[in-house]
């Protein structure tokens, strides 16, 4: 039987080695891609933040059809802060995220009078109202064509070195930094007392209320925090592509976010990340290369059905099975180690 401390240290070193390899791969990735693929990598990183923030809302048991619209609120608000008020882009991004959170707080009052399916439909209706407002008013939202010529992230000068964030590689690293920090915050939040309460609200809301937990407040808190990071992803997108319009945030885009989350799984924070990464690779590398890009909804639908039938817990369940298989071959703790470690 191995010493428990040695086993824990070995596990910690294994995680650190894996994390180091992942960081090295993410840093090297854009240099292995073509220019168009580098832009896809930028969108992929932004979508990771979108889908991980969406998962936070699902922790309370509610699934929304308006999360992409909330992303658009962040993009529109950040664009308006820079174009109309001259706010520096980094600050405008944070203000855009805060605007998305404030919008979610206002929407929480009518929406959280509903639960389950009714919340799902209510969130869709609220999102469509916001999108129609963007289409209806040319001032300040630009009407159906949206806002154009949105200022890009300013160049960063370090001595004689100038970093141009208009270049996809540089913007990829910026997004990677912002998204990594955001995902870490969301991870720590879930592991905190607040995150445990989110789970309690989901699985035992009546019991939680009986001990004094306000389920409305915690659902609202999850909605607001998730919307803040969704708005931040929208701001990152707006200042990269230089334009936002209502069609970019319609229900069709929201369906893709749902599929990313369901196919990846929502039991862990890395589940949705697996979903968006795998499906993006399938779309960009397989479908686009074969000329089937227009059939993306069909393939996504087929993948969703196959996932529900044959992999109901999502791609994240394969990670657990791989870990168990590795432990069974002697790569992890033996039965005695596991028994004593669980005590």
C-alpha atoms as a PDB file:
ATOM      1  CA  UNK A   1       0.000   0.000   0.000  1.00  0.00           C
ATOM      2  CA  UNK A   2       1.417   3.378  -0.968  1.00  0.00           C
ATOM      3  CA  UNK A   3       1.736   6.312   1.392  1.00  0.00           C
ATOM      4  CA  UNK A   4      -1.309   8.614   1.096  1.00  0.00           C
ATOM      5  CA  UNK A   5       0.803  11.764   1.045  1.00  0.00           C
ATOM      6  CA  UNK A   6       2.978  10.425  -1.759  1.00  0.00           C
ATOM      7  CA  UNK A   7      -0.122   9.522  -3.762  1.00  0.00           C
ATOM      8  CA  UNK A   8      -1.549  13.016  -3.280  1.00  0.00           C
ATOM      9  CA  UNK A   9       1.734  14.624  -4.303  1.00  0.00           C
ATOM     10  CA  UNK A  10       1.908  12.394  -7.356  1.00  0.00           C
ATOM     11  CA  UNK A  11      -1.627  13.361  -8.315  1.00  0.00           C
ATOM     12  CA  UNK A  12      -0.846  17.056  -7.809  1.00  0.00           C
ATOM     13  CA  UNK A  13       2.270  16.816  -9.959  1.00  0.00           C
ATOM     14  CA  UNK A  14       0.255  14.996 -12.604  1.00  0.00           C
ATOM     15  CA  UNK A  15      -2.317  17.796 -12.689  1.00  0.00           C
ATOM     16  CA  UNK A  16       0.431  20.433 -12.861  1.00  0.00           C
ATOM     17  CA  UNK A  17       2.145  18.596 -15.717  1.00  0.00           C
ATOM     18  CA  UNK A  18      -1.154  18.311 -17.587  1.00  0.00           C
ATOM     19  CA  UNK A  19      -1.899  21.987 -17.011  1.00  0.00           C
ATOM     20  CA  UNK A  20       1.566  22.936 -18.229  1.00  0.00           C
ATOM     21  CA  UNK A  21       1.131  20.908 -21.412  1.00  0.00           C
ATOM     22  CA  UNK A  22      -2.280  22.478 -22.007  1.00  0.00           C
ATOM     23  CA  UNK A  23      -0.889  26.003 -21.586  1.00  0.00           C
ATOM     24  CA  UNK A  24       1.990  25.239 -23.929  1.00  0.00           C
ATOM     25  CA  UNK A  25      -0.417  23.854 -26.537  1.00  0.00           C
ATOM     26  CA  UNK A  26      -2.715  26.889 -26.312  1.00  0.00           C
ATOM     27  CA  UNK A  27       0.223  29.284 -26.648  1.00  0.00           C
ATOM     28  CA  UNK A  28       1.659  27.442 -29.659  1.00  0.00           C
ATOM     29  CA  UNK A  29      -1.700  26.815 -31.348  1.00  0.00           C
ATOM     30  CA  UNK A  30      -2.111  30.032 -33.417  1.00  0.00           C
ATOM     31  CA  UNK A  31       1.366  29.664 -34.917  1.00  0.00           C
ATOM     32  CA  UNK A  32       0.349  26.306 -36.376  1.00  0.00           C
ATOM     33  CA  UNK A  33      -2.739  27.694 -38.137  1.00  0.00           C
ATOM     34  CA  UNK A  34      -3.446  29.686 -41.266  1.00  0.00           C
ATOM     35  CA  UNK A  35      -4.755  33.252 -41.045  1.00  0.00           C
ATOM     36  CA  UNK A  36      -8.406  32.222 -41.433  1.00  0.00           C
ATOM     37  CA  UNK A  37      -7.945  29.431 -38.890  1.00  0.00           C
ATOM     38  CA  UNK A  38      -6.430  31.926 -36.460  1.00  0.00           C
ATOM     39  CA  UNK A  39      -9.623  33.965 -36.683  1.00  0.00           C
ATOM     40  CA  UNK A  40     -11.647  30.825 -36.007  1.00  0.00           C
ATOM     41  CA  UNK A  41      -9.473  30.231 -32.940  1.00  0.00           C
ATOM     42  CA  UNK A  42     -10.372  33.731 -31.692  1.00  0.00           C
ATOM     43  CA  UNK A  43     -14.094  33.030 -32.073  1.00  0.00           C
ATOM     44  CA  UNK A  44     -13.643  29.647 -30.408  1.00  0.00           C
ATOM     45  CA  UNK A  45     -12.051  31.176 -27.309  1.00  0.00           C
ATOM     46  CA  UNK A  46     -14.838  33.768 -27.080  1.00  0.00           C
ATOM     47  CA  UNK A  47     -17.447  31.006 -27.412  1.00  0.00           C
ATOM     48  CA  UNK A  48     -15.777  29.096 -24.580  1.00  0.00           C
ATOM     49  CA  UNK A  49     -16.528  32.015 -22.246  1.00  0.00           C
ATOM     50  CA  UNK A  50     -20.090  32.208 -23.567  1.00  0.00           C
ATOM     51  CA  UNK A  51     -20.887  28.541 -22.982  1.00  0.00           C
ATOM     52  CA  UNK A  52     -19.113  28.327 -19.599  1.00  0.00           C
ATOM     53  CA  UNK A  53     -21.054  31.359 -18.379  1.00  0.00           C
ATOM     54  CA  UNK A  54     -24.240  29.700 -19.619  1.00  0.00           C
ATOM     55  CA  UNK A  55     -23.442  26.636 -17.540  1.00  0.00           C
ATOM     56  CA  UNK A  56     -23.421  28.766 -14.376  1.00  0.00           C
ATOM     57  CA  UNK A  57     -27.082  29.564 -14.952  1.00  0.00           C
ATOM     58  CA  UNK A  58     -27.914  25.880 -15.430  1.00  0.00           C
ATOM     59  CA  UNK A  59     -26.500  25.116 -11.972  1.00  0.00           C
ATOM     60  CA  UNK A  60     -29.731  26.508 -10.503  1.00  0.00           C
ATOM     61  CA  UNK A  61     -31.791  24.280 -12.791  1.00  0.00           C
ATOM     62  CA  UNK A  62     -32.867  26.967 -15.260  1.00  0.00           C
ATOM     63  CA  UNK A  63     -32.111  26.870 -18.984  1.00  0.00           C
ATOM     64  CA  UNK A  64     -32.408  30.113 -20.924  1.00  0.00           C
ATOM     65  CA  UNK A  65     -33.019  30.864 -24.600  1.00  0.00           C
ATOM     66  CA  UNK A  66     -31.882  34.451 -24.214  1.00  0.00           C
ATOM     67  CA  UNK A  67     -28.225  34.035 -23.284  1.00  0.00           C
ATOM     68  CA  UNK A  68     -26.960  34.955 -26.746  1.00  0.00           C
ATOM     69  CA  UNK A  69     -29.089  38.108 -26.665  1.00  0.00           C
ATOM     70  CA  UNK A  70     -27.471  38.977 -23.322  1.00  0.00           C
ATOM     71  CA  UNK A  71     -24.142  38.497 -25.075  1.00  0.00           C
ATOM     72  CA  UNK A  72     -25.383  40.999 -27.664  1.00  0.00           C
ATOM     73  CA  UNK A  73     -26.292  43.473 -24.918  1.00  0.00           C
ATOM     74  CA  UNK A  74     -22.656  43.444 -23.847  1.00  0.00           C
ATOM     75  CA  UNK A  75     -21.482  43.931 -27.424  1.00  0.00           C
ATOM     76  CA  UNK A  76     -23.927  46.754 -28.184  1.00  0.00           C
ATOM     77  CA  UNK A  77     -23.282  48.524 -24.883  1.00  0.00           C
ATOM     78  CA  UNK A  78     -19.497  48.356 -25.239  1.00  0.00           C
ATOM     79  CA  UNK A  79     -19.729  49.636 -28.822  1.00  0.00           C
ATOM     80  CA  UNK A  80     -21.963  52.550 -27.791  1.00  0.00           C
ATOM     81  CA  UNK A  81     -19.718  53.495 -24.889  1.00  0.00           C
ATOM     82  CA  UNK A  82     -16.762  53.795 -27.254  1.00  0.00           C
ATOM     83  CA  UNK A  83     -18.524  55.325 -30.304  1.00  0.00           C
ATOM     84  CA  UNK A  84     -20.922  57.725 -28.587  1.00  0.00           C
ATOM     85  CA  UNK A  85     -19.119  58.575 -25.354  1.00  0.00           C
ATOM     86  CA  UNK A  86     -15.482  58.049 -26.270  1.00  0.00           C
ATOM     87  CA  UNK A  87     -14.822  55.619 -23.402  1.00  0.00           C
ATOM     88  CA  UNK A  88     -11.531  53.710 -23.773  1.00  0.00           C
ATOM     89  CA  UNK A  89     -12.129  50.224 -25.172  1.00  0.00           C
ATOM     90  CA  UNK A  90     -10.874  48.194 -22.154  1.00  0.00           C
ATOM     91  CA  UNK A  91     -13.126  50.159 -19.812  1.00  0.00           C
ATOM     92  CA  UNK A  92     -16.010  50.013 -22.303  1.00  0.00           C
ATOM     93  CA  UNK A  93     -15.761  46.212 -22.330  1.00  0.00           C
ATOM     94  CA  UNK A  94     -16.218  46.078 -18.568  1.00  0.00           C
ATOM     95  CA  UNK A  95     -19.080  48.572 -18.776  1.00  0.00           C
ATOM     96  CA  UNK A  96     -20.662  46.467 -21.519  1.00  0.00           C
ATOM     97  CA  UNK A  97     -20.439  43.386 -19.309  1.00  0.00           C
ATOM     98  CA  UNK A  98     -21.931  45.361 -16.429  1.00  0.00           C
ATOM     99  CA  UNK A  99     -24.755  46.522 -18.722  1.00  0.00           C
ATOM    100  CA  UNK A 100     -25.536  42.902 -19.576  1.00  0.00           C
ATOM    101  CA  UNK A 101     -25.597  42.058 -15.865  1.00  0.00           C
ATOM    102  CA  UNK A 102     -27.906  45.018 -15.155  1.00  0.00           C
ATOM    103  CA  UNK A 103     -30.241  43.907 -17.958  1.00  0.00           C
ATOM    104  CA  UNK A 104     -30.357  40.411 -16.457  1.00  0.00           C
ATOM    105  CA  UNK A 105     -31.189  41.872 -13.039  1.00  0.00           C
ATOM    106  CA  UNK A 106     -34.164  43.752 -14.494  1.00  0.00           C
ATOM    107  CA  UNK A 107     -35.345  40.690 -16.422  1.00  0.00           C
ATOM    108  CA  UNK A 108     -35.079  38.532 -13.308  1.00  0.00           C
ATOM    109  CA  UNK A 109     -38.168  40.149 -11.759  1.00  0.00           C
ATOM    110  CA  UNK A 110     -40.634  38.828 -14.356  1.00  0.00           C
ATOM    111  CA  UNK A 111     -38.679  35.742 -15.458  1.00  0.00           C
ATOM    112  CA  UNK A 112     -38.117  34.157 -12.067  1.00  0.00           C
ATOM    113  CA  UNK A 113     -41.805  34.139 -11.378  1.00  0.00           C
ATOM    114  CA  UNK A 114     -41.599  31.162 -13.740  1.00  0.00           C
ATOM    115  CA  UNK A 115     -39.707  27.877 -13.576  1.00  0.00           C
ATOM    116  CA  UNK A 116     -38.665  25.120 -15.940  1.00  0.00           C
ATOM    117  CA  UNK A 117     -40.314  25.173 -19.349  1.00  0.00           C
ATOM    118  CA  UNK A 118     -42.086  28.465 -18.643  1.00  0.00           C
ATOM    119  CA  UNK A 119     -38.777  30.148 -17.787  1.00  0.00           C
ATOM    120  CA  UNK A 120     -37.318  28.794 -21.033  1.00  0.00           C
ATOM    121  CA  UNK A 121     -40.136  30.310 -23.093  1.00  0.00           C
ATOM    122  CA  UNK A 122     -40.113  33.524 -21.063  1.00  0.00           C
ATOM    123  CA  UNK A 123     -36.394  34.004 -21.639  1.00  0.00           C
ATOM    124  CA  UNK A 124     -36.920  33.511 -25.379  1.00  0.00           C
ATOM    125  CA  UNK A 125     -39.685  36.152 -25.404  1.00  0.00           C
ATOM    126  CA  UNK A 126     -37.565  38.620 -23.417  1.00  0.00           C
ATOM    127  CA  UNK A 127     -34.632  38.109 -25.778  1.00  0.00           C
ATOM    128  CA  UNK A 128     -36.812  38.693 -28.829  1.00  0.00           C
ATOM    129  CA  UNK A 129     -38.151  41.934 -27.324  1.00  0.00           C
ATOM    130  CA  UNK A 130     -34.579  43.184 -26.901  1.00  0.00           C
ATOM    131  CA  UNK A 131     -33.672  42.171 -30.461  1.00  0.00           C
ATOM    132  CA  UNK A 132     -36.752  43.941 -31.862  1.00  0.00           C
ATOM    133  CA  UNK A 133     -35.734  47.103 -30.011  1.00  0.00           C
ATOM    134  CA  UNK A 134     -32.325  46.902 -31.685  1.00  0.00           C
ATOM    135  CA  UNK A 135     -34.002  46.528 -35.081  1.00  0.00           C
ATOM    136  CA  UNK A 136     -36.611  49.232 -34.489  1.00  0.00           C
ATOM    137  CA  UNK A 137     -34.401  52.096 -33.361  1.00  0.00           C
ATOM    138  CA  UNK A 138     -31.714  53.342 -35.725  1.00  0.00           C
ATOM    139  CA  UNK A 139     -30.629  55.731 -32.979  1.00  0.00           C
ATOM    140  CA  UNK A 140     -28.697  54.596 -31.081  1.00  0.00           C
ATOM    141  CA  UNK A 141     -28.693  50.916 -32.165  1.00  0.00           C
ATOM    142  CA  UNK A 142     -28.330  51.319 -35.932  1.00  0.00           C
ATOM    143  CA  UNK A 143     -31.541  49.516 -36.831  1.00  0.00           C
ATOM    144  CA  UNK A 144     -31.446  46.209 -38.771  1.00  0.00           C
ATOM    145  CA  UNK A 145     -27.907  46.874 -40.010  1.00  0.00           C
ATOM    146  CA  UNK A 146     -26.597  47.387 -36.496  1.00  0.00           C
ATOM    147  CA  UNK A 147     -23.494  49.318 -35.500  1.00  0.00           C
ATOM    148  CA  UNK A 148     -20.411  49.477 -37.672  1.00  0.00           C
ATOM    149  CA  UNK A 149     -16.876  50.837 -37.433  1.00  0.00           C
ATOM    150  CA  UNK A 150     -16.610  49.894 -33.771  1.00  0.00           C
ATOM    151  CA  UNK A 151     -13.165  50.892 -32.446  1.00  0.00           C
ATOM    152  CA  UNK A 152     -10.768  47.994 -32.023  1.00  0.00           C
ATOM    153  CA  UNK A 153      -8.737  47.210 -28.939  1.00  0.00           C
ATOM    154  CA  UNK A 154      -5.912  49.792 -28.734  1.00  0.00           C
ATOM    155  CA  UNK A 155      -2.355  48.818 -29.584  1.00  0.00           C
ATOM    156  CA  UNK A 156      -0.109  48.060 -26.642  1.00  0.00           C
ATOM    157  CA  UNK A 157       3.356  49.631 -26.687  1.00  0.00           C
ATOM    158  CA  UNK A 158       6.079  48.035 -24.588  1.00  0.00           C
ATOM    159  CA  UNK A 159       9.270  49.976 -25.206  1.00  0.00           C
ATOM    160  CA  UNK A 160      10.098  49.591 -28.885  1.00  0.00           C
ATOM    161  CA  UNK A 161       7.591  46.734 -29.235  1.00  0.00           C
ATOM    162  CA  UNK A 162       4.077  47.475 -30.521  1.00  0.00           C
ATOM    163  CA  UNK A 163       1.388  44.820 -30.148  1.00  0.00           C
ATOM    164  CA  UNK A 164      -1.339  45.254 -32.765  1.00  0.00           C
ATOM    165  CA  UNK A 165      -4.538  43.630 -31.527  1.00  0.00           C
ATOM    166  CA  UNK A 166      -6.058  43.853 -34.984  1.00  0.00           C
ATOM    167  CA  UNK A 167      -3.893  40.838 -35.790  1.00  0.00           C
ATOM    168  CA  UNK A 168      -5.742  37.605 -34.931  1.00  0.00           C
ATOM    169  CA  UNK A 169      -2.756  36.051 -33.140  1.00  0.00           C
ATOM    170  CA  UNK A 170      -2.430  38.977 -30.736  1.00  0.00           C
ATOM    171  CA  UNK A 171      -6.176  39.196 -30.170  1.00  0.00           C
ATOM    172  CA  UNK A 172      -6.238  35.426 -29.587  1.00  0.00           C
ATOM    173  CA  UNK A 173      -3.754  35.835 -26.741  1.00  0.00           C
ATOM    174  CA  UNK A 174      -5.771  38.728 -25.310  1.00  0.00           C
ATOM    175  CA  UNK A 175      -8.981  36.669 -25.406  1.00  0.00           C
ATOM    176  CA  UNK A 176      -7.164  33.638 -24.007  1.00  0.00           C
ATOM    177  CA  UNK A 177      -5.980  35.703 -21.029  1.00  0.00           C
ATOM    178  CA  UNK A 178      -9.409  37.241 -20.368  1.00  0.00           C
ATOM    179  CA  UNK A 179     -11.266  33.953 -20.800  1.00  0.00           C
ATOM    180  CA  UNK A 180      -8.801  32.012 -18.636  1.00  0.00           C
ATOM    181  CA  UNK A 181      -9.222  34.490 -15.780  1.00  0.00           C
ATOM    182  CA  UNK A 182     -13.008  34.453 -16.227  1.00  0.00           C
ATOM    183  CA  UNK A 183     -13.243  30.649 -16.274  1.00  0.00           C
ATOM    184  CA  UNK A 184     -11.062  30.463 -13.155  1.00  0.00           C
ATOM    185  CA  UNK A 185     -13.368  32.925 -11.373  1.00  0.00           C
ATOM    186  CA  UNK A 186     -16.433  30.892 -12.395  1.00  0.00           C
ATOM    187  CA  UNK A 187     -14.729  27.696 -11.249  1.00  0.00           C
ATOM    188  CA  UNK A 188     -13.862  29.144  -7.839  1.00  0.00           C
ATOM    189  CA  UNK A 189     -17.368  30.553  -7.530  1.00  0.00           C
ATOM    190  CA  UNK A 190     -18.903  27.132  -8.128  1.00  0.00           C
ATOM    191  CA  UNK A 191     -16.624  25.582  -5.500  1.00  0.00           C
ATOM    192  CA  UNK A 192     -17.574  28.249  -2.963  1.00  0.00           C
ATOM    193  CA  UNK A 193     -20.520  28.318  -0.573  1.00  0.00           C
ATOM    194  CA  UNK A 194     -22.487  30.314  -3.148  1.00  0.00           C
ATOM    195  CA  UNK A 195     -21.922  27.633  -5.780  1.00  0.00           C
ATOM    196  CA  UNK A 196     -23.032  24.888  -3.400  1.00  0.00           C
ATOM    197  CA  UNK A 197     -26.179  26.892  -2.742  1.00  0.00           C
ATOM    198  CA  UNK A 198     -26.804  27.085  -6.496  1.00  0.00           C
ATOM    199  CA  UNK A 199     -26.756  23.281  -6.576  1.00  0.00           C
ATOM    200  CA  UNK A 200     -29.079  23.115  -3.582  1.00  0.00           C
ATOM    201  CA  UNK A 201     -31.521  25.473  -5.278  1.00  0.00           C
ATOM    202  CA  UNK A 202     -31.497  23.187  -8.290  1.00  0.00           C
ATOM    203  CA  UNK A 203     -31.945  19.833  -6.599  1.00  0.00           C
ATOM    204  CA  UNK A 204     -33.728  20.672  -3.338  1.00  0.00           C
ATOM    205  CA  UNK A 205     -35.301  24.114  -3.706  1.00  0.00           C
ATOM    206  CA  UNK A 206     -38.100  23.426  -1.200  1.00  0.00           C
ATOM    207  CA  UNK A 207     -35.627  22.158   1.388  1.00  0.00           C
ATOM    208  CA  UNK A 208     -33.367  25.169   0.752  1.00  0.00           C
ATOM    209  CA  UNK A 209     -36.270  27.546   1.307  1.00  0.00           C
ATOM    210  CA  UNK A 210     -37.193  25.742   4.510  1.00  0.00           C
ATOM    211  CA  UNK A 211     -33.791  26.608   6.028  1.00  0.00           C
ATOM    212  CA  UNK A 212     -33.994  30.265   5.019  1.00  0.00           C
ATOM    213  CA  UNK A 213     -32.392  30.294   1.548  1.00  0.00           C
ATOM    214  CA  UNK A 214     -34.043  32.726  -0.847  1.00  0.00           C
ATOM    215  CA  UNK A 215     -34.183  30.713  -4.061  1.00  0.00           C
ATOM    216  CA  UNK A 216     -35.232  33.816  -6.015  1.00  0.00           C
ATOM    217  CA  UNK A 217     -32.142  35.720  -4.876  1.00  0.00           C
ATOM    218  CA  UNK A 218     -29.757  32.905  -5.701  1.00  0.00           C
ATOM    219  CA  UNK A 219     -31.323  32.256  -9.097  1.00  0.00           C
ATOM    220  CA  UNK A 220     -31.085  35.974  -9.792  1.00  0.00           C
ATOM    221  CA  UNK A 221     -27.459  36.035  -8.632  1.00  0.00           C
ATOM    222  CA  UNK A 222     -26.552  33.166 -10.967  1.00  0.00           C
ATOM    223  CA  UNK A 223     -28.395  34.888 -13.825  1.00  0.00           C
ATOM    224  CA  UNK A 224     -26.630  38.206 -13.227  1.00  0.00           C
ATOM    225  CA  UNK A 225     -23.139  36.699 -12.919  1.00  0.00           C
ATOM    226  CA  UNK A 226     -23.635  34.492 -15.980  1.00  0.00           C
ATOM    227  CA  UNK A 227     -24.875  37.521 -17.915  1.00  0.00           C
ATOM    228  CA  UNK A 228     -21.851  39.598 -16.890  1.00  0.00           C
ATOM    229  CA  UNK A 229     -19.467  37.100 -18.452  1.00  0.00           C
ATOM    230  CA  UNK A 230     -21.739  36.589 -21.472  1.00  0.00           C
ATOM    231  CA  UNK A 231     -21.704  40.367 -21.954  1.00  0.00           C
ATOM    232  CA  UNK A 232     -17.906  40.329 -21.691  1.00  0.00           C
ATOM    233  CA  UNK A 233     -17.756  37.721 -24.460  1.00  0.00           C
ATOM    234  CA  UNK A 234     -20.020  39.955 -26.573  1.00  0.00           C
ATOM    235  CA  UNK A 235     -17.725  42.927 -25.997  1.00  0.00           C
ATOM    236  CA  UNK A 236     -14.681  40.875 -27.018  1.00  0.00           C
ATOM    237  CA  UNK A 237     -16.501  39.857 -30.192  1.00  0.00           C
ATOM    238  CA  UNK A 238     -17.732  43.370 -31.071  1.00  0.00           C
ATOM    239  CA  UNK A 239     -14.326  45.016 -30.788  1.00  0.00           C
ATOM    240  CA  UNK A 240     -12.733  42.305 -32.901  1.00  0.00           C
ATOM    241  CA  UNK A 241     -15.112  42.103 -35.861  1.00  0.00           C
ATOM    242  CA  UNK A 242     -15.944  45.845 -35.662  1.00  0.00           C
ATOM    243  CA  UNK A 243     -19.704  45.427 -36.070  1.00  0.00           C
ATOM    244  CA  UNK A 244     -22.796  44.131 -34.258  1.00  0.00           C
ATOM    245  CA  UNK A 245     -26.284  43.561 -35.640  1.00  0.00           C
ATOM    246  CA  UNK A 246     -29.492  41.922 -34.346  1.00  0.00           C
ATOM    247  CA  UNK A 247     -29.226  38.880 -36.620  1.00  0.00           C
ATOM    248  CA  UNK A 248     -25.934  37.885 -35.009  1.00  0.00           C
ATOM    249  CA  UNK A 249     -27.761  37.158 -31.746  1.00  0.00           C
ATOM    250  CA  UNK A 250     -30.903  35.362 -32.896  1.00  0.00           C
ATOM    251  CA  UNK A 251     -32.383  32.114 -31.589  1.00  0.00           C
ATOM    252  CA  UNK A 252     -30.504  30.100 -34.215  1.00  0.00           C
ATOM    253  CA  UNK A 253     -27.209  31.052 -32.567  1.00  0.00           C
ATOM    254  CA  UNK A 254     -28.709  30.242 -29.177  1.00  0.00           C
ATOM    255  CA  UNK A 255     -29.527  26.723 -30.338  1.00  0.00           C
ATOM    256  CA  UNK A 256     -25.849  26.143 -31.075  1.00  0.00           C
ATOM    257  CA  UNK A 257     -24.960  27.208 -27.514  1.00  0.00           C
ATOM    258  CA  UNK A 258     -27.514  24.721 -26.165  1.00  0.00           C
ATOM    259  CA  UNK A 259     -26.042  21.944 -28.304  1.00  0.00           C
ATOM    260  CA  UNK A 260     -22.493  22.775 -27.164  1.00  0.00           C
ATOM    261  CA  UNK A 261     -23.590  22.524 -23.541  1.00  0.00           C
ATOM    262  CA  UNK A 262     -25.673  19.348 -23.939  1.00  0.00           C
ATOM    263  CA  UNK A 263     -23.148  17.460 -26.083  1.00  0.00           C
ATOM    264  CA  UNK A 264     -20.272  18.453 -23.804  1.00  0.00           C
ATOM    265  CA  UNK A 265     -22.200  17.941 -20.560  1.00  0.00           C
ATOM    266  CA  UNK A 266     -22.880  20.346 -17.705  1.00  0.00           C
ATOM    267  CA  UNK A 267     -21.827  18.293 -14.668  1.00  0.00           C
ATOM    268  CA  UNK A 268     -18.297  19.756 -14.805  1.00  0.00           C
ATOM    269  CA  UNK A 269     -16.892  23.077 -15.925  1.00  0.00           C
ATOM    270  CA  UNK A 270     -14.839  21.427 -18.674  1.00  0.00           C
ATOM    271  CA  UNK A 271     -17.854  19.660 -20.188  1.00  0.00           C
ATOM    272  CA  UNK A 272     -19.200  22.642 -22.163  1.00  0.00           C
ATOM    273  CA  UNK A 273     -15.640  23.496 -23.192  1.00  0.00           C
ATOM    274  CA  UNK A 274     -15.260  20.022 -24.691  1.00  0.00           C
ATOM    275  CA  UNK A 275     -18.583  20.482 -26.474  1.00  0.00           C
ATOM    276  CA  UNK A 276     -17.727  23.790 -28.114  1.00  0.00           C
ATOM    277  CA  UNK A 277     -14.191  22.706 -29.044  1.00  0.00           C
ATOM    278  CA  UNK A 278     -15.198  19.366 -30.578  1.00  0.00           C
ATOM    279  CA  UNK A 279     -18.184  20.749 -32.485  1.00  0.00           C
ATOM    280  CA  UNK A 280     -16.190  23.734 -33.749  1.00  0.00           C
ATOM    281  CA  UNK A 281     -13.505  21.408 -35.059  1.00  0.00           C
ATOM    282  CA  UNK A 282     -16.160  19.271 -36.747  1.00  0.00           C
ATOM    283  CA  UNK A 283     -17.736  22.354 -38.311  1.00  0.00           C
ATOM    284  CA  UNK A 284     -14.604  24.182 -39.421  1.00  0.00           C
ATOM    285  CA  UNK A 285     -12.294  21.301 -40.275  1.00  0.00           C
ATOM    286  CA  UNK A 286     -14.709  18.640 -41.511  1.00  0.00           C
ATOM    287  CA  UNK A 287     -17.900  20.289 -42.771  1.00  0.00           C
ATOM    288  CA  UNK A 288     -16.318  23.422 -44.256  1.00  0.00           C
ATOM    289  CA  UNK A 289     -13.495  21.524 -45.909  1.00  0.00           C
ATOM    290  CA  UNK A 290     -15.978  19.105 -47.473  1.00  0.00           C
ATOM    291  CA  UNK A 291     -18.257  21.918 -48.621  1.00  0.00           C
ATOM    292  CA  UNK A 292     -21.106  20.986 -46.244  1.00  0.00           C
ATOM    293  CA  UNK A 293     -21.036  24.199 -44.230  1.00  0.00           C
ATOM    294  CA  UNK A 294     -24.658  25.029 -45.139  1.00  0.00           C
ATOM    295  CA  UNK A 295     -25.717  21.693 -43.660  1.00  0.00           C
ATOM    296  CA  UNK A 296     -24.344  22.616 -40.243  1.00  0.00           C
ATOM    297  CA  UNK A 297     -27.792  22.596 -38.500  1.00  0.00           C
ATOM    298  CA  UNK A 298     -28.494  19.122 -39.899  1.00  0.00           C
ATOM    299  CA  UNK A 299     -25.201  17.689 -38.657  1.00  0.00           C
ATOM    300  CA  UNK A 300     -25.524  19.439 -35.297  1.00  0.00           C
ATOM    301  CA  UNK A 301     -29.033  18.013 -34.902  1.00  0.00           C
ATOM    302  CA  UNK A 302     -27.807  14.512 -35.711  1.00  0.00           C
ATOM    303  CA  UNK A 303     -24.927  14.883 -33.248  1.00  0.00           C
ATOM    304  CA  UNK A 304     -27.333  16.102 -30.553  1.00  0.00           C
ATOM    305  CA  UNK A 305     -29.660  13.124 -31.040  1.00  0.00           C
ATOM    306  CA  UNK A 306     -26.739  10.678 -31.049  1.00  0.00           C
ATOM    307  CA  UNK A 307     -25.366  12.262 -27.890  1.00  0.00           C
ATOM    308  CA  UNK A 308     -28.683  11.997 -26.058  1.00  0.00           C
ATOM    309  CA  UNK A 309     -29.109   8.354 -27.100  1.00  0.00           C
ATOM    310  CA  UNK A 310     -25.582   7.006 -26.679  1.00  0.00           C
ATOM    311  CA  UNK A 311     -23.799   9.555 -24.454  1.00  0.00           C
ATOM    312  CA  UNK A 312     -26.494  11.084 -22.222  1.00  0.00           C
ATOM    313  CA  UNK A 313     -23.955  12.523 -19.769  1.00  0.00           C
ATOM    314  CA  UNK A 314     -22.031  14.242 -22.545  1.00  0.00           C
ATOM    315  CA  UNK A 315     -18.429  14.110 -23.655  1.00  0.00           C
ATOM    316  CA  UNK A 316     -17.289  14.842 -20.111  1.00  0.00           C
ATOM    317  CA  UNK A 317     -18.338  11.305 -19.124  1.00  0.00           C
ATOM    318  CA  UNK A 318     -15.636   9.946 -21.437  1.00  0.00           C
ATOM    319  CA  UNK A 319     -13.033  11.764 -19.340  1.00  0.00           C
ATOM    320  CA  UNK A 320     -14.257   9.976 -16.216  1.00  0.00           C
ATOM    321  CA  UNK A 321     -14.237   6.612 -17.993  1.00  0.00           C
ATOM    322  CA  UNK A 322     -10.706   7.246 -19.271  1.00  0.00           C
ATOM    323  CA  UNK A 323      -9.576   8.146 -15.753  1.00  0.00           C
ATOM    324  CA  UNK A 324     -11.126   4.940 -14.350  1.00  0.00           C
ATOM    325  CA  UNK A 325      -9.487   2.883 -17.095  1.00  0.00           C
ATOM    326  CA  UNK A 326      -6.109   4.471 -16.330  1.00  0.00           C
ATOM    327  CA  UNK A 327      -6.536   3.774 -12.616  1.00  0.00           C
ATOM    328  CA  UNK A 328      -7.498   0.177 -13.402  1.00  0.00           C
ATOM    329  CA  UNK A 329      -4.247  -0.315 -15.319  1.00  0.00           C
ATOM    330  CA  UNK A 330      -2.195   0.893 -12.361  1.00  0.00           C
ATOM    331  CA  UNK A 331      -1.920   4.546 -13.369  1.00  0.00           C
ATOM    332  CA  UNK A 332      -3.858   5.714 -10.331  1.00  0.00           C
ATOM    333  CA  UNK A 333      -4.472   4.773  -6.738  1.00  0.00           C
ATOM    334  CA  UNK A 334      -5.265   1.161  -5.968  1.00  0.00           C
ATOM    335  CA  UNK A 335      -8.442   0.018  -4.200  1.00  0.00           C
ATOM    336  CA  UNK A 336      -6.843   0.291  -0.753  1.00  0.00           C
ATOM    337  CA  UNK A 337      -5.551   3.790  -1.462  1.00  0.00           C
ATOM    338  CA  UNK A 338      -8.952   4.894  -2.722  1.00  0.00           C
ATOM    339  CA  UNK A 339     -10.699   3.382   0.319  1.00  0.00           C
ATOM    340  CA  UNK A 340      -8.415   5.060   2.839  1.00  0.00           C
ATOM    341  CA  UNK A 341      -8.416   8.326   0.838  1.00  0.00           C
ATOM    342  CA  UNK A 342     -12.198   8.478   0.962  1.00  0.00           C
ATOM    343  CA  UNK A 343     -12.266   8.181   4.749  1.00  0.00           C
END
